[in-house]
Structures are given as structure tokens and as C-alpha cells.
């Protein structure tokens, strides 16, 4: 028996999914064009590409939006298709650790040269 928890319980996650989709649809084409115009071929070129603070912040915010977007989608898939609570919670934890670790690693890489 499932308990009704009230109206609008999924509105926040729906809005998060849509907001992150908008951020990604705006940022990814711009970043792609910027990368293609710069076309770094060596380590010094990559360092120069990420030297400006605005570039590091934009990339980190874009990856954070990507991680949140992925989390909402994967969480919904796991809620729908993994019926064993213990397994679902373990998979949640694995996804959270992977996504948060990826964002933290990117932040460490981007600011290690600053």
C-alpha cells in the first residue's frame, strides 16, 4: 500500500530537470564552439584555454547542471524499475558518489593551475 504524500510532490524535480536542460542547451553549444575555435593541441594550449576565471566557472557550472540533470533522470529510472529498497538505495549511493566525485574532481583540476 502506497501512501499519498500530497499534490505537487514531483514539481520540484520536474522544474530541476527543465532548468538544468535549459542551462545545458545554452552552455554546451557555446563551450563547444569556444573549444573548436581555440583547438588546443598541447598542454600549454589547454592551460591557456582554461586560464580565464569565467571559463573555469562556466565549465564547472555546466558540469554541475549536467550532474543534477543526470541525477534526476537516473533517480526516476531507479524508482520505477528497481523494486528492492536496499538495492535501490545502494544504486542511489553509487550514482551520487560517482556524480559528486566527478564534479569535485573537475573543480580540483580546474583550480589546480590557478
C-alpha atoms as a PDB file:
ATOM      1  CA  UNK A   1       0.000   0.000   0.000  1.00  0.00           C
ATOM      2  CA  UNK A   2       1.436   3.355  -1.037  1.00  0.00           C
ATOM      3  CA  UNK A   3       0.815   6.471   0.976  1.00  0.00           C
ATOM      4  CA  UNK A   4      -0.341   9.605  -0.767  1.00  0.00           C
ATOM      5  CA  UNK A   5       2.051  12.365   0.146  1.00  0.00           C
ATOM      6  CA  UNK A   6       0.121  15.244  -1.376  1.00  0.00           C
ATOM      7  CA  UNK A   7      -0.137  17.152  -4.580  1.00  0.00           C
ATOM      8  CA  UNK A   8       2.839  18.609  -6.378  1.00  0.00           C
ATOM      9  CA  UNK A   9       5.374  16.185  -4.885  1.00  0.00           C
ATOM     10  CA  UNK A  10       7.185  15.863  -8.216  1.00  0.00           C
ATOM     11  CA  UNK A  11       7.043  19.526  -9.191  1.00  0.00           C
ATOM     12  CA  UNK A  12      10.443  20.363  -7.732  1.00  0.00           C
ATOM     13  CA  UNK A  13      12.238  17.592  -9.567  1.00  0.00           C
ATOM     14  CA  UNK A  14      10.373  18.390 -12.770  1.00  0.00           C
ATOM     15  CA  UNK A  15      11.474  22.026 -12.504  1.00  0.00           C
ATOM     16  CA  UNK A  16      15.058  20.961 -11.727  1.00  0.00           C
ATOM     17  CA  UNK A  17      15.116  18.736 -14.810  1.00  0.00           C
ATOM     18  CA  UNK A  18      13.785  21.536 -17.025  1.00  0.00           C
ATOM     19  CA  UNK A  19      16.064  24.219 -15.543  1.00  0.00           C
ATOM     20  CA  UNK A  20      19.181  22.102 -15.970  1.00  0.00           C
ATOM     21  CA  UNK A  21      18.105  21.233 -19.518  1.00  0.00           C
ATOM     22  CA  UNK A  22      17.889  24.944 -20.332  1.00  0.00           C
ATOM     23  CA  UNK A  23      21.308  25.618 -18.799  1.00  0.00           C
ATOM     24  CA  UNK A  24      22.812  22.740 -20.775  1.00  0.00           C
ATOM     25  CA  UNK A  25      21.148  23.791 -24.031  1.00  0.00           C
ATOM     26  CA  UNK A  26      22.640  27.263 -23.661  1.00  0.00           C
ATOM     27  CA  UNK A  27      26.089  26.432 -22.294  1.00  0.00           C
ATOM     28  CA  UNK A  28      27.100  23.322 -24.255  1.00  0.00           C
ATOM     29  CA  UNK A  29      26.916  24.818 -27.762  1.00  0.00           C
ATOM     30  CA  UNK A  30      28.847  27.881 -26.587  1.00  0.00           C
ATOM     31  CA  UNK A  31      31.531  25.788 -24.914  1.00  0.00           C
ATOM     32  CA  UNK A  32      31.774  23.522 -27.962  1.00  0.00           C
ATOM     33  CA  UNK A  33      32.250  26.483 -30.301  1.00  0.00           C
ATOM     34  CA  UNK A  34      34.827  28.007 -27.939  1.00  0.00           C
ATOM     35  CA  UNK A  35      36.778  24.727 -27.804  1.00  0.00           C
ATOM     36  CA  UNK A  36      36.673  24.308 -31.566  1.00  0.00           C
ATOM     37  CA  UNK A  37      37.853  27.868 -32.213  1.00  0.00           C
ATOM     38  CA  UNK A  38      40.710  27.556 -29.719  1.00  0.00           C
ATOM     39  CA  UNK A  39      41.549  23.970 -30.733  1.00  0.00           C
ATOM     40  CA  UNK A  40      44.310  23.369 -28.172  1.00  0.00           C
ATOM     41  CA  UNK A  41      46.780  20.699 -29.307  1.00  0.00           C
ATOM     42  CA  UNK A  42      49.194  20.627 -26.386  1.00  0.00           C
ATOM     43  CA  UNK A  43      49.165  21.018 -22.620  1.00  0.00           C
ATOM     44  CA  UNK A  44      50.059  24.709 -22.795  1.00  0.00           C
ATOM     45  CA  UNK A  45      47.110  25.295 -25.123  1.00  0.00           C
ATOM     46  CA  UNK A  46      44.719  23.587 -22.710  1.00  0.00           C
ATOM     47  CA  UNK A  47      46.123  25.613 -19.820  1.00  0.00           C
ATOM     48  CA  UNK A  48      45.611  28.825 -21.777  1.00  0.00           C
ATOM     49  CA  UNK A  49      42.060  27.785 -22.667  1.00  0.00           C
ATOM     50  CA  UNK A  50      41.115  27.359 -19.004  1.00  0.00           C
ATOM     51  CA  UNK A  51      43.170  30.248 -17.638  1.00  0.00           C
ATOM     52  CA  UNK A  52      40.332  32.821 -17.561  1.00  0.00           C
ATOM     53  CA  UNK A  53      38.206  32.611 -14.436  1.00  0.00           C
ATOM     54  CA  UNK A  54      34.951  32.959 -16.418  1.00  0.00           C
ATOM     55  CA  UNK A  55      35.829  29.844 -18.429  1.00  0.00           C
ATOM     56  CA  UNK A  56      36.525  27.739 -15.351  1.00  0.00           C
ATOM     57  CA  UNK A  57      33.343  28.927 -13.626  1.00  0.00           C
ATOM     58  CA  UNK A  58      31.198  28.364 -16.737  1.00  0.00           C
ATOM     59  CA  UNK A  59      32.575  24.859 -17.240  1.00  0.00           C
ATOM     60  CA  UNK A  60      32.098  23.947 -13.582  1.00  0.00           C
ATOM     61  CA  UNK A  61      28.517  25.273 -13.541  1.00  0.00           C
ATOM     62  CA  UNK A  62      27.755  23.413 -16.771  1.00  0.00           C
ATOM     63  CA  UNK A  63      29.083  20.133 -15.381  1.00  0.00           C
ATOM     64  CA  UNK A  64      27.188  20.724 -12.144  1.00  0.00           C
ATOM     65  CA  UNK A  65      23.983  21.219 -14.169  1.00  0.00           C
ATOM     66  CA  UNK A  66      24.802  18.039 -16.095  1.00  0.00           C
ATOM     67  CA  UNK A  67      25.288  16.097 -12.853  1.00  0.00           C
ATOM     68  CA  UNK A  68      21.985  17.370 -11.423  1.00  0.00           C
ATOM     69  CA  UNK A  69      20.200  16.588 -14.687  1.00  0.00           C
ATOM     70  CA  UNK A  70      21.665  13.079 -14.695  1.00  0.00           C
ATOM     71  CA  UNK A  71      20.778  12.554 -11.033  1.00  0.00           C
ATOM     72  CA  UNK A  72      17.099  13.424 -11.536  1.00  0.00           C
ATOM     73  CA  UNK A  73      16.845  11.148 -14.575  1.00  0.00           C
ATOM     74  CA  UNK A  74      18.675   8.188 -13.059  1.00  0.00           C
ATOM     75  CA  UNK A  75      16.804   8.556  -9.771  1.00  0.00           C
ATOM     76  CA  UNK A  76      13.477   8.394 -11.580  1.00  0.00           C
ATOM     77  CA  UNK A  77      14.569   5.338 -13.570  1.00  0.00           C
ATOM     78  CA  UNK A  78      15.731   3.577 -10.406  1.00  0.00           C
ATOM     79  CA  UNK A  79      12.476   4.439  -8.607  1.00  0.00           C
ATOM     80  CA  UNK A  80      10.459   2.989 -11.472  1.00  0.00           C
ATOM     81  CA  UNK A  81      12.436  -0.179 -12.204  1.00  0.00           C
ATOM     82  CA  UNK A  82      14.374  -1.248  -9.067  1.00  0.00           C
ATOM     83  CA  UNK A  83      11.797  -2.560  -6.628  1.00  0.00           C
ATOM     84  CA  UNK A  84      14.087  -3.846  -3.863  1.00  0.00           C
ATOM     85  CA  UNK A  85      14.645  -0.953  -1.469  1.00  0.00           C
ATOM     86  CA  UNK A  86      18.115  -1.985  -0.340  1.00  0.00           C
ATOM     87  CA  UNK A  87      19.378  -2.386  -3.894  1.00  0.00           C
ATOM     88  CA  UNK A  88      17.772   0.889  -4.955  1.00  0.00           C
ATOM     89  CA  UNK A  89      19.424   2.750  -2.065  1.00  0.00           C
ATOM     90  CA  UNK A  90      22.800   1.175  -2.880  1.00  0.00           C
ATOM     91  CA  UNK A  91      22.437   2.251  -6.510  1.00  0.00           C
ATOM     92  CA  UNK A  92      21.422   5.761  -5.395  1.00  0.00           C
ATOM     93  CA  UNK A  93      24.568   5.954  -3.301  1.00  0.00           C
ATOM     94  CA  UNK A  94      26.750   4.715  -6.148  1.00  0.00           C
ATOM     95  CA  UNK A  95      25.288   7.283  -8.553  1.00  0.00           C
ATOM     96  CA  UNK A  96      25.607  10.128  -6.034  1.00  0.00           C
ATOM     97  CA  UNK A  97      29.232   9.241  -5.255  1.00  0.00           C
ATOM     98  CA  UNK A  98      30.066   8.998  -8.962  1.00  0.00           C
ATOM     99  CA  UNK A  99      28.414  12.297  -9.905  1.00  0.00           C
ATOM    100  CA  UNK A 100      29.640  14.274  -6.885  1.00  0.00           C
ATOM    101  CA  UNK A 101      33.119  12.808  -7.243  1.00  0.00           C
ATOM    102  CA  UNK A 102      33.228  13.785 -10.915  1.00  0.00           C
ATOM    103  CA  UNK A 103      32.217  17.378 -10.169  1.00  0.00           C
ATOM    104  CA  UNK A 104      34.720  17.608  -7.304  1.00  0.00           C
ATOM    105  CA  UNK A 105      37.483  16.149  -9.473  1.00  0.00           C
ATOM    106  CA  UNK A 106      36.778  18.670 -12.233  1.00  0.00           C
ATOM    107  CA  UNK A 107      36.874  21.517  -9.698  1.00  0.00           C
ATOM    108  CA  UNK A 108      40.211  20.251  -8.379  1.00  0.00           C
ATOM    109  CA  UNK A 109      41.639  20.020 -11.893  1.00  0.00           C
ATOM    110  CA  UNK A 110      40.372  23.429 -12.949  1.00  0.00           C
ATOM    111  CA  UNK A 111      41.715  25.193  -9.880  1.00  0.00           C
ATOM    112  CA  UNK A 112      44.983  23.261  -9.526  1.00  0.00           C
ATOM    113  CA  UNK A 113      46.608  25.586 -12.068  1.00  0.00           C
ATOM    114  CA  UNK A 114      45.141  28.803 -10.674  1.00  0.00           C
END
